[in-house]
Amino acid sequence: MVWQIFPKLKDTEKETLELFKKHVELTLKAKQSFVELGTALIAGNFSLVEAKNKEIFEIERKADNVRRSIAKELYEGAFMPLMRTFLFDFAEALDDVVDCVQDAAEKILYFKNRKLPSKVKAKYNDMFAEVDKVIDLLNNIVNGLFKGNKNLKEKIKEAKLVEHNLDMIEKDVFDLVLLKQNKIEPVTTWLICDIAHLLAAIGDKVEESCDRVSVLSLIRLT
């Protein structure tokens, strides 16, 4: 990968940026396992839900180690102080995406032996599709940032639209189980809403990462 945002990099700085690339690759892996977990949830295949949850746990652990390595490189002097601060914030924001995926995956385990209404399944299916889309966009945005792509604003706009879609579907789920006369027992009702909120939160975390990209892009242009 050519890191065009930063000219004349030192070796330690090149290594730091490669760590960002590695973190995004792990985020994509977590996303893929999470989407497969969602498919298994909707199909009622809880042995696969549990297996995918374990995969996500291991990926999150690796991503956290990469985040620590980025912090170590930055604190040991990679980049100038101002850029170092922005890159650290960016690393934290990226890691929050994987953390949020893991939080949702772990909470979904509590659906075991509970009945998920078909209308909720349909809404969840839509939300998993949007999560798939928004994390793919994040990958394109991060790689585009460091390659110096000129269409970052358009990609960020797309990601923000998907984040908005997730919020709207979350509201649909809340309306479905809280406003309509559905006979769903209270704990399951709470769990349905909480997981919808966590799915929407993944979009929020991607949007926060995109905000960091916008700042880094402005620094590059000044």
Protein backbone atom coordinates (compact mmCIF):
# COMPACT_ATOMS: atom_id res chain seq x y z
CA MET A 1 0.00 0.00 0.00
CA VAL A 2 1.27 3.46 -0.89
CA TRP A 3 0.66 5.83 2.01
CA GLN A 4 0.39 9.02 -0.02
CA ILE A 5 -1.00 11.05 2.85
CA PHE A 6 2.45 11.09 4.49
CA PRO A 7 5.55 11.92 2.43
CA LYS A 8 9.04 10.72 3.41
CA LEU A 9 8.02 8.35 6.16
CA LYS A 10 10.48 6.92 8.65
CA ASP A 11 10.51 3.13 8.98
CA THR A 12 8.69 3.25 12.32
CA GLU A 13 5.99 5.44 10.77
CA LYS A 14 5.56 3.04 7.85
CA GLU A 15 5.18 0.22 10.36
CA THR A 16 2.56 2.21 12.28
CA LEU A 17 0.48 2.79 9.18
CA GLU A 18 0.75 -0.89 8.25
CA LEU A 19 -0.71 -1.61 11.69
CA PHE A 20 -3.72 0.53 10.77
CA LYS A 21 -4.10 -1.57 7.63
CA LYS A 22 -3.95 -4.74 9.73
CA HIS A 23 -6.57 -3.41 12.13
CA VAL A 24 -8.98 -2.67 9.29
CA GLU A 25 -8.42 -6.16 7.88
CA LEU A 26 -9.35 -7.61 11.27
CA THR A 27 -12.43 -5.39 11.37
CA LEU A 28 -13.52 -6.87 8.03
CA LYS A 29 -13.00 -10.38 9.38
CA ALA A 30 -15.07 -9.58 12.47
CA LYS A 31 -17.79 -8.16 10.23
CA GLN A 32 -17.89 -11.28 8.08
CA SER A 33 -18.23 -13.55 11.12
CA PHE A 34 -20.88 -11.21 12.53
CA VAL A 35 -22.96 -11.28 9.34
CA GLU A 36 -22.75 -15.08 9.37
CA LEU A 37 -23.81 -15.01 13.02
CA GLY A 38 -26.83 -12.92 12.02
CA THR A 39 -27.80 -15.42 9.34
CA ALA A 40 -27.51 -18.22 11.89
CA LEU A 41 -29.63 -16.28 14.40
CA ILE A 42 -32.44 -15.76 11.91
CA ALA A 43 -32.28 -19.45 10.93
CA GLY A 44 -32.36 -20.49 14.61
CA ASN A 45 -28.97 -22.25 14.35
CA PHE A 46 -27.54 -21.49 17.78
CA SER A 47 -24.61 -23.86 17.55
CA LEU A 48 -23.39 -21.70 14.66
CA VAL A 49 -24.25 -18.50 16.57
CA GLU A 50 -22.02 -19.69 19.41
CA ALA A 51 -19.21 -20.69 17.04
CA LYS A 52 -19.26 -17.32 15.29
CA ASN A 53 -19.31 -15.52 18.64
CA LYS A 54 -16.08 -17.30 19.57
CA GLU A 55 -14.53 -16.28 16.25
CA ILE A 56 -15.45 -12.66 16.88
CA PHE A 57 -14.02 -12.82 20.40
CA GLU A 58 -10.65 -13.98 19.05
CA ILE A 59 -10.64 -11.38 16.27
CA GLU A 60 -11.47 -8.59 18.74
CA ARG A 61 -8.60 -9.73 20.97
CA LYS A 62 -6.19 -9.55 18.02
CA ALA A 63 -7.55 -6.14 17.00
CA ASP A 64 -7.07 -4.86 20.54
CA ASN A 65 -3.44 -6.02 20.46
CA VAL A 66 -2.94 -4.16 17.18
CA ARG A 67 -4.46 -1.02 18.72
CA ARG A 68 -2.00 -1.31 21.61
CA SER A 69 0.88 -1.70 19.16
CA ILE A 70 -0.24 1.46 17.33
CA ALA A 71 -0.35 3.35 20.63
CA LYS A 72 3.13 2.07 21.54
CA GLU A 73 4.60 3.20 18.21
CA LEU A 74 2.99 6.62 18.55
CA TYR A 75 4.11 7.13 22.15
CA GLU A 76 7.64 6.09 21.23
CA GLY A 77 7.83 8.93 18.72
CA ALA A 78 6.28 7.95 15.40
CA PHE A 79 5.03 11.13 13.68
CA MET A 80 4.97 14.70 14.89
CA PRO A 81 3.00 15.39 18.10
CA LEU A 82 -0.12 16.88 16.47
CA MET A 83 -0.44 14.10 13.91
CA ARG A 84 0.32 11.56 16.64
CA THR A 85 -2.69 12.77 18.63
CA PHE A 86 -5.05 12.55 15.66
CA LEU A 87 -3.80 9.09 14.71
CA PHE A 88 -4.24 7.83 18.26
CA ASP A 89 -7.83 9.08 18.31
CA PHE A 90 -8.38 7.42 14.93
CA ALA A 91 -7.02 4.09 16.22
CA GLU A 92 -9.34 4.28 19.22
CA ALA A 93 -12.34 5.02 17.00
CA LEU A 94 -11.55 2.08 14.71
CA ASP A 95 -11.19 -0.23 17.68
CA ASP A 96 -14.57 0.89 19.00
CA VAL A 97 -16.17 -0.55 15.85
CA VAL A 98 -14.84 -4.05 16.59
CA ASP A 99 -15.72 -3.69 20.28
CA CYS A 100 -19.29 -2.83 19.34
CA VAL A 101 -19.52 -5.84 17.01
CA GLN A 102 -18.34 -8.09 19.84
CA ASP A 103 -20.81 -6.54 22.31
CA ALA A 104 -23.70 -7.24 19.94
CA ALA A 105 -22.49 -10.79 19.24
CA GLU A 106 -22.27 -11.61 22.95
CA LYS A 107 -25.71 -10.18 23.69
CA ILE A 108 -27.26 -12.24 20.88
CA LEU A 109 -26.28 -15.40 22.75
CA TYR A 110 -29.09 -14.63 25.20
CA PHE A 111 -31.65 -15.34 22.47
CA LYS A 112 -30.97 -19.05 22.92
CA ASN A 113 -34.24 -20.85 23.74
CA ARG A 114 -36.23 -17.66 23.12
CA LYS A 115 -38.70 -17.16 20.28
CA LEU A 116 -37.83 -14.36 17.89
CA PRO A 117 -40.94 -13.04 16.05
CA SER A 118 -40.79 -13.28 12.25
CA LYS A 119 -41.26 -9.51 11.82
CA VAL A 120 -38.32 -8.86 14.14
CA LYS A 121 -36.22 -11.37 12.19
CA ALA A 122 -36.96 -9.43 9.00
CA LYS A 123 -35.86 -6.15 10.61
CA TYR A 124 -32.72 -7.75 12.03
CA ASN A 125 -31.94 -9.16 8.59
CA ASP A 126 -32.08 -5.61 7.22
CA MET A 127 -29.84 -4.35 10.02
CA PHE A 128 -27.20 -7.03 9.47
CA ALA A 129 -27.18 -6.14 5.76
CA GLU A 130 -26.59 -2.47 6.64
CA VAL A 131 -23.79 -3.39 9.08
CA ASP A 132 -22.17 -5.42 6.30
CA LYS A 133 -22.40 -2.42 3.99
CA VAL A 134 -21.19 0.23 6.42
CA ILE A 135 -18.08 -1.69 7.51
CA ASP A 136 -17.17 -2.36 3.87
CA LEU A 137 -17.47 1.39 3.31
CA LEU A 138 -15.22 2.02 6.32
CA ASN A 139 -12.59 -0.24 4.79
CA ASN A 140 -12.76 1.69 1.51
CA ILE A 141 -12.61 5.02 3.34
CA VAL A 142 -9.57 4.14 5.45
CA ASN A 143 -7.65 2.71 2.51
CA GLY A 144 -8.70 5.70 0.43
CA LEU A 145 -7.41 8.09 3.07
CA PHE A 146 -3.90 6.70 3.05
CA LYS A 147 -3.83 6.30 -0.72
CA GLY A 148 -4.84 9.92 -1.20
CA ASN A 149 -8.13 9.16 -2.97
CA LYS A 150 -10.17 12.21 -3.91
CA ASN A 151 -13.64 10.69 -3.45
CA LEU A 152 -13.47 10.36 0.33
CA LYS A 153 -16.29 12.84 0.90
CA GLU A 154 -18.66 10.80 -1.26
CA LYS A 155 -17.78 7.56 0.52
CA ILE A 156 -18.17 9.20 3.92
CA LYS A 157 -21.54 10.56 2.84
CA GLU A 158 -22.56 7.00 1.87
CA ALA A 159 -21.46 5.68 5.26
CA LYS A 160 -23.45 8.36 7.07
CA LEU A 161 -26.53 7.44 5.03
CA VAL A 162 -26.18 3.80 6.05
CA GLU A 163 -25.78 4.88 9.68
CA HIS A 164 -29.04 6.81 9.32
CA ASN A 165 -30.72 3.74 7.80
CA LEU A 166 -29.66 1.69 10.82
CA ASP A 167 -31.18 4.28 13.15
CA MET A 168 -34.45 4.17 11.21
CA ILE A 169 -34.63 0.38 11.32
CA GLU A 170 -33.85 0.46 15.04
CA LYS A 171 -36.87 2.73 15.48
CA ASP A 172 -38.96 0.29 13.44
CA VAL A 173 -37.98 -2.50 15.82
CA PHE A 174 -38.88 -0.39 18.85
CA ASP A 175 -42.23 0.53 17.31
CA LEU A 176 -42.89 -3.10 16.45
CA VAL A 177 -42.38 -4.48 19.94
CA LEU A 178 -43.31 -1.52 22.14
CA LEU A 179 -46.17 0.26 20.39
CA LYS A 180 -48.04 -2.62 18.79
CA GLN A 181 -49.98 -5.21 20.72
CA ASN A 182 -47.52 -8.08 20.45
CA LYS A 183 -47.57 -10.81 23.05
CA ILE A 184 -43.83 -10.96 23.69
CA GLU A 185 -42.69 -11.66 27.23
CA PRO A 186 -40.87 -8.74 28.92
CA VAL A 187 -37.29 -10.07 28.96
CA THR A 188 -37.43 -10.98 25.27
CA THR A 189 -38.88 -7.55 24.49
CA TRP A 190 -35.99 -5.87 26.32
CA LEU A 191 -33.46 -8.11 24.58
CA ILE A 192 -34.90 -7.42 21.11
CA CYS A 193 -34.65 -3.66 21.70
CA ASP A 194 -31.18 -3.83 23.23
CA ILE A 195 -29.75 -5.81 20.33
CA ALA A 196 -31.38 -3.45 17.81
CA HIS A 197 -29.68 -0.59 19.68
CA LEU A 198 -26.30 -2.36 19.56
CA LEU A 199 -26.66 -3.04 15.83
CA ALA A 200 -27.40 0.64 15.23
CA ALA A 201 -24.45 1.57 17.46
CA ILE A 202 -22.07 -0.16 15.04
CA GLY A 203 -23.11 2.44 12.47
CA ASP A 204 -22.53 5.18 15.04
CA LYS A 205 -18.98 3.94 15.66
CA VAL A 206 -18.26 3.80 11.94
CA GLU A 207 -19.52 7.37 11.62
CA GLU A 208 -17.17 8.46 14.42
CA SER A 209 -14.27 6.83 12.56
CA CYS A 210 -15.33 8.68 9.41
CA ASP A 211 -15.25 11.95 11.35
CA ARG A 212 -11.62 11.20 12.27
CA VAL A 213 -10.88 10.50 8.60
CA SER A 214 -12.34 13.90 7.67
CA VAL A 215 -9.97 15.61 10.12
CA LEU A 216 -6.94 13.66 8.89
CA SER A 217 -7.89 14.46 5.31
CA LEU A 218 -8.01 18.18 6.12
CA ILE A 219 -4.56 17.98 7.74
CA ARG A 220 -3.24 16.36 4.57
CA LEU A 221 -4.62 19.21 2.47
CA THR A 222 -3.16 22.00 4.58
